[in-house]
């Protein structure tokens, strides 16, 4: 099964939280900081066809998104988040 966003939506997949600190201390899941960055998995055709938005996002880009945005979806044992284009704050190089 494949997710295909519609409207001004983008499908992203969260990056995994750090399980150890830089000094090697293992963190329990409750103490792990939830990352606000993710990788783009799919982009709606409305965004790709919009002159102002086209080219700003690409599948595979690492992005930072608004903390409380989007809808979480679990599909084939993977978790995704469907967010609006406006909720993507930056592309990480």
N, C-alpha and C. Protein backbone atom coordinates (compact mmCIF):
# COMPACT_ATOMS: atom_id res chain seq x y z
N UNK A 1 0.85 -1.18 0.00
CA UNK A 1 0.00 0.00 0.00
C UNK A 1 0.89 1.24 0.00
N UNK A 2 0.42 2.29 -0.62
CA UNK A 2 1.20 3.51 -0.77
C UNK A 2 0.36 4.71 -0.37
N UNK A 3 0.97 5.66 0.35
CA UNK A 3 0.29 6.90 0.72
C UNK A 3 0.50 7.94 -0.36
N UNK A 4 -0.58 8.54 -0.82
CA UNK A 4 -0.50 9.61 -1.81
C UNK A 4 -1.27 10.81 -1.26
N UNK A 5 -0.56 11.85 -0.80
CA UNK A 5 -1.24 12.99 -0.20
C UNK A 5 -2.00 13.80 -1.25
N UNK A 6 -3.07 14.46 -0.80
CA UNK A 6 -3.85 15.33 -1.68
C UNK A 6 -3.85 16.74 -1.11
N UNK A 7 -4.26 17.69 -1.91
CA UNK A 7 -4.29 19.08 -1.48
C UNK A 7 -2.89 19.61 -1.25
N UNK A 8 -2.69 20.36 -0.19
CA UNK A 8 -1.37 20.91 0.11
C UNK A 8 -0.69 20.11 1.22
N UNK A 9 -0.74 18.78 1.11
CA UNK A 9 -0.21 17.89 2.14
C UNK A 9 1.11 17.23 1.71
N UNK A 10 1.89 16.86 2.72
CA UNK A 10 3.16 16.16 2.53
C UNK A 10 3.19 15.01 3.52
N UNK A 11 3.69 13.85 3.10
CA UNK A 11 3.85 12.70 4.01
C UNK A 11 5.30 12.66 4.44
N UNK A 12 5.52 12.62 5.76
CA UNK A 12 6.87 12.56 6.29
C UNK A 12 7.01 11.36 7.23
N UNK A 13 8.24 10.94 7.45
CA UNK A 13 8.52 9.84 8.37
C UNK A 13 9.49 10.38 9.41
N UNK A 14 9.11 10.29 10.69
CA UNK A 14 9.92 10.82 11.78
C UNK A 14 11.29 10.16 11.84
N UNK A 15 12.27 10.95 12.25
CA UNK A 15 13.59 10.41 12.54
C UNK A 15 13.51 9.73 13.91
N UNK A 16 14.33 8.73 14.12
CA UNK A 16 14.31 8.04 15.40
C UNK A 16 14.95 8.89 16.48
N UNK A 17 14.43 8.80 17.69
CA UNK A 17 14.98 9.53 18.82
C UNK A 17 16.31 8.91 19.22
N UNK A 18 17.19 9.74 19.74
CA UNK A 18 18.49 9.26 20.20
C UNK A 18 18.28 8.34 21.40
N UNK A 19 18.91 7.18 21.36
CA UNK A 19 18.76 6.21 22.45
C UNK A 19 19.91 6.28 23.43
N UNK A 20 21.01 6.93 23.04
CA UNK A 20 22.15 7.11 23.94
C UNK A 20 22.64 8.55 23.82
N UNK A 21 23.25 9.02 24.87
CA UNK A 21 23.82 10.37 24.85
C UNK A 21 25.19 10.32 24.19
N UNK A 22 25.78 11.48 23.98
CA UNK A 22 27.11 11.55 23.37
C UNK A 22 28.15 10.84 24.23
N UNK A 23 27.92 10.81 25.54
CA UNK A 23 28.88 10.15 26.44
C UNK A 23 28.59 8.67 26.61
N UNK A 24 27.54 8.15 25.95
CA UNK A 24 27.27 6.71 25.98
C UNK A 24 26.22 6.26 26.98
N UNK A 25 25.56 7.19 27.65
CA UNK A 25 24.52 6.82 28.62
C UNK A 25 23.26 6.43 27.85
N UNK A 26 22.70 5.26 28.17
CA UNK A 26 21.49 4.77 27.51
C UNK A 26 20.29 5.44 28.15
N UNK A 27 19.43 6.03 27.31
CA UNK A 27 18.25 6.74 27.80
C UNK A 27 17.01 5.85 27.71
N UNK A 28 16.18 5.83 28.77
CA UNK A 28 14.90 5.12 28.66
C UNK A 28 13.99 5.88 27.71
N UNK A 29 13.01 5.19 27.15
CA UNK A 29 12.14 5.81 26.15
C UNK A 29 11.43 7.04 26.69
N UNK A 30 11.07 7.05 27.97
CA UNK A 30 10.36 8.19 28.54
C UNK A 30 11.25 9.44 28.62
N UNK A 31 12.56 9.27 28.62
CA UNK A 31 13.47 10.42 28.73
C UNK A 31 13.98 10.87 27.37
N UNK A 32 13.67 10.14 26.33
CA UNK A 32 14.16 10.49 25.01
C UNK A 32 13.41 11.70 24.47
N UNK A 33 14.16 12.62 23.91
CA UNK A 33 13.56 13.81 23.31
C UNK A 33 13.01 13.44 21.94
N UNK A 34 11.76 13.79 21.71
CA UNK A 34 11.14 13.47 20.42
C UNK A 34 11.63 14.46 19.38
N UNK A 35 12.23 13.97 18.31
CA UNK A 35 12.75 14.88 17.29
C UNK A 35 11.62 15.54 16.50
N UNK A 36 11.89 16.72 16.03
CA UNK A 36 10.92 17.43 15.21
C UNK A 36 11.42 17.48 13.77
N UNK A 37 12.28 16.55 13.43
CA UNK A 37 12.71 16.50 12.05
C UNK A 37 12.36 15.15 11.46
N UNK A 38 12.18 15.15 10.16
CA UNK A 38 11.71 13.95 9.48
C UNK A 38 12.19 13.96 8.04
N UNK A 39 11.91 12.86 7.36
CA UNK A 39 12.25 12.75 5.94
C UNK A 39 10.97 12.74 5.13
N UNK A 40 10.96 13.47 4.02
CA UNK A 40 9.78 13.52 3.16
C UNK A 40 9.67 12.21 2.39
N UNK A 41 8.48 11.61 2.44
CA UNK A 41 8.21 10.34 1.76
C UNK A 41 7.39 10.57 0.50
N UNK A 42 6.44 11.52 0.55
CA UNK A 42 5.59 11.81 -0.60
C UNK A 42 5.12 13.25 -0.55
N UNK A 43 4.92 13.83 -1.74
CA UNK A 43 4.46 15.21 -1.87
C UNK A 43 3.24 15.21 -2.79
N UNK A 44 2.22 15.99 -2.44
CA UNK A 44 1.01 16.02 -3.27
C UNK A 44 1.31 16.68 -4.61
N UNK A 45 0.52 16.32 -5.60
CA UNK A 45 0.69 16.89 -6.94
C UNK A 45 0.33 18.38 -6.95
N UNK A 46 -0.55 18.82 -6.03
CA UNK A 46 -0.91 20.24 -5.96
C UNK A 46 0.33 21.09 -5.61
N UNK A 47 1.18 20.60 -4.73
CA UNK A 47 2.40 21.32 -4.36
C UNK A 47 3.38 21.30 -5.52
N UNK A 48 3.55 20.15 -6.15
CA UNK A 48 4.49 20.02 -7.25
C UNK A 48 4.10 20.87 -8.46
N UNK A 49 2.80 21.11 -8.65
CA UNK A 49 2.33 21.89 -9.79
C UNK A 49 2.17 23.37 -9.50
N UNK A 50 2.31 23.78 -8.25
CA UNK A 50 2.19 25.19 -7.86
C UNK A 50 3.50 25.91 -8.18
N UNK A 51 3.43 27.01 -8.94
CA UNK A 51 4.63 27.73 -9.35
C UNK A 51 5.45 28.24 -8.17
N UNK A 52 4.80 28.71 -7.11
CA UNK A 52 5.52 29.25 -5.95
C UNK A 52 6.15 28.15 -5.09
N UNK A 53 5.50 26.99 -5.00
CA UNK A 53 5.96 25.92 -4.11
C UNK A 53 6.82 24.88 -4.81
N UNK A 54 6.68 24.74 -6.10
CA UNK A 54 7.40 23.70 -6.85
C UNK A 54 8.91 23.87 -6.68
N UNK A 55 9.58 22.77 -6.44
CA UNK A 55 11.03 22.79 -6.29
C UNK A 55 11.52 23.09 -4.90
N UNK A 56 10.64 23.52 -4.00
CA UNK A 56 11.09 23.83 -2.64
C UNK A 56 11.23 22.56 -1.79
N UNK A 57 10.46 21.54 -2.10
CA UNK A 57 10.54 20.26 -1.37
C UNK A 57 10.71 19.12 -2.36
N UNK A 58 11.48 18.13 -1.93
CA UNK A 58 11.69 16.93 -2.75
C UNK A 58 11.61 15.70 -1.86
N UNK A 59 11.17 14.59 -2.42
CA UNK A 59 11.15 13.33 -1.68
C UNK A 59 12.58 13.02 -1.27
N UNK A 60 12.76 12.68 0.00
CA UNK A 60 14.08 12.39 0.53
C UNK A 60 14.70 13.54 1.31
N UNK A 61 14.14 14.75 1.17
CA UNK A 61 14.63 15.90 1.94
C UNK A 61 14.40 15.68 3.42
N UNK A 62 15.34 16.14 4.24
CA UNK A 62 15.17 16.14 5.68
C UNK A 62 14.59 17.51 6.05
N UNK A 63 13.51 17.51 6.83
CA UNK A 63 12.83 18.76 7.16
C UNK A 63 12.55 18.86 8.65
N UNK A 64 12.33 20.09 9.10
CA UNK A 64 11.88 20.37 10.45
C UNK A 64 10.43 20.81 10.33
N UNK A 65 9.56 20.24 11.19
CA UNK A 65 8.13 20.55 11.10
C UNK A 65 7.60 21.01 12.44
N UNK A 66 6.44 21.65 12.44
CA UNK A 66 5.80 22.14 13.66
C UNK A 66 5.49 20.97 14.59
N UNK A 67 5.74 21.17 15.86
CA UNK A 67 5.65 20.10 16.85
C UNK A 67 4.27 19.44 16.94
N UNK A 68 3.22 20.20 16.97
CA UNK A 68 1.89 19.63 17.18
C UNK A 68 1.06 19.57 15.90
N UNK A 69 1.71 19.44 14.78
CA UNK A 69 1.00 19.44 13.51
C UNK A 69 0.85 18.05 12.95
N UNK A 70 -0.06 17.90 12.02
CA UNK A 70 -0.19 16.67 11.27
C UNK A 70 -1.03 15.59 11.91
N UNK A 71 -1.22 14.54 11.14
CA UNK A 71 -1.98 13.38 11.56
C UNK A 71 -1.08 12.16 11.44
N UNK A 72 -0.95 11.43 12.54
CA UNK A 72 -0.10 10.25 12.53
C UNK A 72 -0.86 9.08 11.92
N UNK A 73 -0.15 8.32 11.06
CA UNK A 73 -0.74 7.20 10.35
C UNK A 73 0.23 6.02 10.45
N UNK A 74 -0.30 4.83 10.76
CA UNK A 74 0.54 3.63 10.78
C UNK A 74 0.13 2.77 9.60
N UNK A 75 1.10 2.44 8.76
CA UNK A 75 0.83 1.68 7.55
C UNK A 75 1.95 0.67 7.35
N UNK A 76 1.60 -0.61 7.30
CA UNK A 76 2.56 -1.69 7.11
C UNK A 76 3.71 -1.60 8.11
N UNK A 77 3.41 -1.48 9.38
CA UNK A 77 4.38 -1.44 10.48
C UNK A 77 5.32 -0.23 10.45
N UNK A 78 5.00 0.79 9.69
CA UNK A 78 5.78 2.04 9.68
C UNK A 78 4.85 3.18 10.04
N UNK A 79 5.41 4.15 10.76
CA UNK A 79 4.62 5.31 11.17
C UNK A 79 4.96 6.51 10.30
N UNK A 80 3.93 7.19 9.84
CA UNK A 80 4.07 8.37 9.00
C UNK A 80 3.27 9.50 9.61
N UNK A 81 3.57 10.72 9.18
CA UNK A 81 2.79 11.88 9.58
C UNK A 81 2.40 12.63 8.30
N UNK A 82 1.13 12.95 8.18
CA UNK A 82 0.65 13.73 7.05
C UNK A 82 0.49 15.16 7.56
N UNK A 83 1.29 16.08 7.00
CA UNK A 83 1.27 17.47 7.45
C UNK A 83 0.94 18.39 6.28
N UNK A 84 0.49 19.59 6.61
CA UNK A 84 0.26 20.60 5.59
C UNK A 84 1.61 21.21 5.20
N UNK A 85 1.66 21.69 3.97
CA UNK A 85 2.88 22.33 3.46
C UNK A 85 3.34 23.46 4.39
N UNK A 86 2.40 24.21 4.92
CA UNK A 86 2.71 25.37 5.77
C UNK A 86 3.34 24.95 7.10
N UNK A 87 3.14 23.69 7.53
CA UNK A 87 3.70 23.20 8.79
C UNK A 87 5.15 22.77 8.68
N UNK A 88 5.69 22.74 7.47
CA UNK A 88 7.10 22.43 7.29
C UNK A 88 7.86 23.75 7.43
N UNK A 89 8.74 23.79 8.42
CA UNK A 89 9.42 25.05 8.77
C UNK A 89 10.73 25.26 8.02
N UNK A 90 11.47 24.17 7.76
CA UNK A 90 12.78 24.33 7.11
C UNK A 90 13.23 23.01 6.51
N UNK A 91 14.11 23.12 5.52
CA UNK A 91 14.77 21.95 4.93
C UNK A 91 16.18 21.93 5.50
N UNK A 92 16.61 20.77 5.99
CA UNK A 92 17.94 20.62 6.58
C UNK A 92 18.89 20.09 5.52
N UNK A 93 20.00 20.79 5.31
CA UNK A 93 21.00 20.34 4.34
C UNK A 93 22.01 19.43 4.99
